[in-house]
Protein backbone atom coordinates (compact mmCIF):
# COMPACT_ATOMS: atom_id res chain seq x y z
CA MET A 1 157.11 -130.08 3.32
CA LYS A 2 160.52 -128.80 4.47
CA ILE A 3 161.55 -127.87 8.02
CA PRO A 4 164.52 -125.45 8.21
CA ALA A 5 167.64 -126.94 9.85
CA SER A 6 171.24 -125.80 10.43
CA HIS A 7 172.39 -127.92 7.49
CA GLY A 8 169.55 -126.76 5.23
CA TRP A 9 166.24 -128.52 5.77
CA LEU A 10 164.48 -131.71 6.76
CA GLU A 11 161.95 -133.34 4.48
CA ALA A 12 158.80 -134.00 6.50
CA ALA A 13 155.15 -135.05 6.36
CA LEU A 14 152.52 -133.88 8.83
CA LYS A 15 149.02 -135.19 9.34
CA GLU A 16 146.41 -133.96 11.79
CA PRO A 17 143.74 -136.22 13.29
CA ASP A 18 140.10 -135.97 12.24
CA GLN A 19 139.16 -134.78 15.73
CA THR A 20 140.51 -131.93 17.87
CA PRO A 21 144.16 -132.88 18.63
CA ARG A 22 145.04 -134.18 22.10
CA GLY A 23 148.79 -134.16 21.50
CA ALA A 24 151.49 -133.98 18.84
CA ALA A 25 154.00 -136.74 18.06
CA VAL A 26 157.22 -137.20 16.10
CA VAL A 27 158.02 -140.62 14.62
CA CYS A 28 161.69 -141.34 13.76
CA HIS A 29 162.66 -143.79 11.03
CA PRO A 30 165.10 -146.76 10.96
CA HIS A 31 168.79 -146.64 10.10
CA PRO A 32 169.43 -144.47 7.02
CA VAL A 33 172.40 -146.54 5.87
CA TYR A 34 170.16 -149.61 5.56
CA GLY A 35 167.31 -147.93 3.73
CA GLY A 36 165.25 -146.48 6.56
CA THR A 37 163.08 -143.48 5.64
CA MET A 38 159.98 -141.72 6.89
CA HIS A 39 158.08 -143.90 4.39
CA THR A 40 159.13 -147.16 6.08
CA LYS A 41 155.88 -149.07 6.59
CA ALA A 42 156.14 -149.41 10.37
CA VAL A 43 156.77 -145.66 10.70
CA TYR A 44 153.81 -144.83 8.48
CA ARG A 45 151.47 -147.20 10.29
CA ALA A 46 152.56 -146.01 13.73
CA ALA A 47 151.75 -142.47 12.59
CA GLN A 48 148.32 -143.71 11.51
CA GLY A 49 147.76 -145.19 14.97
CA LEU A 50 148.75 -141.90 16.58
CA ASN A 51 146.32 -140.02 14.32
CA GLU A 52 143.51 -142.38 15.24
CA ALA A 53 144.28 -141.79 18.93
CA GLY A 54 143.86 -138.04 18.37
CA LEU A 55 147.46 -136.92 17.89
CA VAL A 56 149.07 -134.83 15.20
CA ALA A 57 151.76 -137.06 13.64
CA LEU A 58 155.00 -135.73 12.14
CA ARG A 59 157.32 -137.99 10.15
CA PHE A 60 160.60 -136.66 8.80
CA ASN A 61 163.73 -137.82 7.04
CA PHE A 62 166.99 -137.58 8.93
CA ARG A 63 169.84 -135.65 7.32
CA GLY A 64 170.97 -137.13 4.01
CA VAL A 65 167.77 -139.13 3.49
CA GLY A 66 165.33 -138.33 0.67
CA VAL A 67 165.59 -134.60 0.00
CA SER A 68 166.80 -133.75 3.52
CA THR A 69 170.16 -132.01 3.32
CA GLY A 70 173.31 -133.07 5.18
CA SER A 71 174.78 -136.53 5.65
CA PHE A 72 174.58 -139.42 8.12
CA ASP A 73 176.12 -138.57 11.49
CA GLU A 74 176.15 -141.81 13.54
CA GLY A 75 173.06 -140.85 15.54
CA ILE A 76 174.55 -137.63 16.94
CA GLY A 77 173.42 -135.25 14.25
CA GLU A 78 170.21 -137.23 13.98
CA GLN A 79 169.36 -136.24 17.57
CA ASP A 80 169.88 -132.63 16.50
CA ASP A 81 167.49 -133.26 13.60
CA LEU A 82 164.88 -134.60 16.01
CA ARG A 83 165.33 -131.56 18.24
CA VAL A 84 164.70 -129.32 15.23
CA ALA A 85 161.56 -131.31 14.40
CA LEU A 86 160.33 -131.01 17.99
CA ASP A 87 161.01 -127.28 18.05
CA TRP A 88 159.04 -126.87 14.84
CA LEU A 89 156.14 -128.99 16.12
CA GLU A 90 156.03 -127.10 19.42
CA SER A 91 155.98 -123.76 17.60
CA ARG A 92 153.02 -124.91 15.49
CA TYR A 93 151.09 -126.55 18.36
CA PRO A 94 152.29 -124.74 21.51
CA GLU A 95 149.30 -125.87 23.56
CA LEU A 96 149.73 -129.60 22.91
CA PRO A 97 151.80 -132.14 24.90
CA LEU A 98 154.54 -133.79 22.83
CA VAL A 99 155.21 -137.49 22.25
CA VAL A 100 158.34 -138.95 20.66
CA GLY A 101 159.28 -142.38 19.37
CA GLY A 102 160.63 -144.32 16.45
CA HIS A 103 161.47 -147.61 14.81
CA SER A 104 164.79 -149.47 15.27
CA PHE A 105 167.65 -146.92 15.00
CA GLY A 106 164.93 -144.26 15.22
CA SER A 107 163.72 -145.75 18.50
CA HIS A 108 167.09 -145.13 20.11
CA VAL A 109 167.33 -141.58 18.77
CA GLY A 110 163.77 -140.80 19.82
CA LEU A 111 163.79 -142.45 23.22
CA ALA A 112 167.18 -141.02 24.21
CA LEU A 113 166.28 -137.43 23.38
CA GLY A 114 162.66 -137.73 24.48
CA ALA A 115 163.59 -139.11 27.89
CA GLU A 116 165.55 -135.92 28.63
CA ASP A 117 163.43 -133.29 26.89
CA ARG A 118 161.07 -131.67 29.41
CA ARG A 119 158.50 -130.96 26.67
CA VAL A 120 158.01 -134.65 25.93
CA VAL A 121 155.39 -136.37 28.08
CA ALA A 122 155.41 -139.92 26.66
CA LEU A 123 157.61 -142.19 24.55
CA PHE A 124 157.41 -145.22 22.27
CA GLY A 125 159.88 -147.57 20.61
CA LEU A 126 159.20 -150.09 17.85
CA GLY A 127 161.56 -152.95 17.16
CA LEU A 128 164.32 -152.02 19.60
CA PRO A 129 167.64 -153.47 18.30
CA VAL A 130 168.53 -154.78 21.76
CA ASP A 131 170.95 -157.39 20.42
CA LYS A 132 173.16 -154.69 18.91
CA ASP A 133 175.97 -153.64 21.26
CA GLU A 134 175.87 -150.02 20.09
CA TYR A 135 172.34 -149.52 21.45
CA ASP A 136 171.97 -149.17 25.21
CA TYR A 137 168.48 -148.55 26.57
CA THR A 138 169.27 -148.46 30.30
CA PHE A 139 168.60 -144.70 30.30
CA LEU A 140 164.90 -145.60 30.25
CA GLY A 141 165.28 -146.49 33.91
CA GLU A 142 166.09 -142.85 34.66
CA THR A 143 162.78 -141.39 33.48
CA ASP A 144 159.25 -141.86 34.79
CA LYS A 145 157.56 -140.96 31.51
CA PRO A 146 155.27 -143.72 30.19
CA VAL A 147 157.05 -145.79 27.53
CA LEU A 148 155.47 -148.17 25.01
CA VAL A 149 157.75 -150.78 23.46
CA VAL A 150 156.39 -152.95 20.64
CA GLN A 151 158.61 -155.91 19.79
CA GLY A 152 158.22 -158.83 17.41
CA GLU A 153 158.67 -162.30 18.86
CA ARG A 154 160.92 -163.10 15.89
CA ASP A 155 162.73 -159.77 15.62
CA GLU A 156 166.12 -160.61 14.13
CA PHE A 157 167.81 -157.75 15.99
CA GLY A 158 166.36 -158.64 19.37
CA SER A 159 163.42 -160.92 20.10
CA ALA A 160 160.53 -159.89 22.33
CA ALA A 161 161.90 -162.28 24.95
CA ARG A 162 165.27 -160.53 24.81
CA ALA A 163 163.59 -157.10 25.01
CA ALA A 164 161.67 -158.27 28.08
CA GLU A 165 164.94 -159.31 29.70
CA VAL A 166 166.56 -155.93 28.94
CA LEU A 167 163.58 -153.86 30.10
CA ARG A 168 162.51 -155.96 33.10
CA LEU A 169 164.45 -154.02 35.74
CA LEU A 170 164.02 -150.54 34.28
CA GLY A 171 160.66 -149.75 35.86
CA PRO A 172 156.88 -150.25 35.70
CA HIS A 173 156.45 -147.17 33.50
CA ILE A 174 157.54 -149.31 30.53
CA THR A 175 154.85 -151.34 28.76
CA LEU A 176 156.15 -154.11 26.48
CA VAL A 177 153.75 -155.47 23.87
CA ARG A 178 154.96 -158.63 22.14
CA ILE A 179 153.72 -159.28 18.59
CA ALA A 180 153.52 -163.00 17.87
CA GLY A 181 155.16 -164.14 14.62
CA SER A 182 156.51 -160.67 13.86
CA ASP A 183 159.93 -159.85 12.48
CA HIS A 184 161.87 -156.59 12.90
CA TYR A 185 159.78 -154.79 10.26
CA PHE A 186 156.42 -156.12 11.48
CA THR A 187 155.86 -157.83 8.14
CA GLU A 188 152.23 -158.98 7.91
CA ARG A 189 151.70 -157.61 11.44
CA LEU A 190 151.41 -153.91 10.62
CA ASP A 191 147.73 -153.76 11.58
CA GLU A 192 148.59 -155.11 15.04
CA LEU A 193 151.37 -152.56 15.35
CA LYS A 194 149.03 -149.70 14.44
CA GLU A 195 146.32 -150.88 16.82
CA THR A 196 148.83 -151.26 19.66
CA VAL A 197 150.04 -147.69 19.22
CA ARG A 198 146.48 -146.40 18.86
CA GLY A 199 145.27 -148.20 21.97
CA TYR A 200 148.17 -147.07 24.13
CA TYR A 201 147.49 -143.40 23.38
CA ALA A 202 143.70 -143.62 23.06
CA SER A 203 142.97 -145.33 26.36
CA GLY A 204 146.20 -146.86 27.73
CA PRO A 205 148.95 -145.38 29.91
CA GLY A 206 149.96 -142.89 27.23
CA SER A 207 146.48 -141.38 27.11
CA ARG A 208 146.81 -140.04 30.65
CA THR A 209 149.56 -137.66 29.54
CA LEU A 210 147.52 -136.05 26.78
CA ALA A 211 145.11 -133.12 26.70
CA VAL A 212 141.64 -133.71 28.09
CA LEU A 213 139.01 -132.48 25.65
């Protein structure tokens, strides 16, 4: 599937839940320069969890990845790509509340745009690279939207303990779930990742922002 964009198009994959949808979500992938795509396992499994919680899940490749046109733009153009994906999703499901999140680099793109976009009701971030100086997440303290953060205890780009330290003063609307023994890519912990995302939007804080059926 291709979504039209200013630079051509974005390669994307959409899956609807088995039941009547309660919301629609976009999942952003990790850093393109280091091999991140919409097929990255954590992205795929998070989308599964969203589906099981009753949300439509849209994955897409940022510019220059897969068959998406364009080229890497240091996170700036990638926010534009996400905006295009959100516009497309809203046009297809105008009655549904929107959720945005992502993995690693994609978490920063998704959280930053989603925190400001009035259409987005809830957020999630997987494997936040909190040890990397170029990623600042303090903007999460300026929104009251519910935020799920899933972090591996052994994440090589920022442990769960480090994420807890960064997020501690940003507000009670942020839920941090720490995955024991997990690295940045949730290797051998993908089922836990999926279940965490599913639970948060099926019956946790994220569920209260979704449509009541």
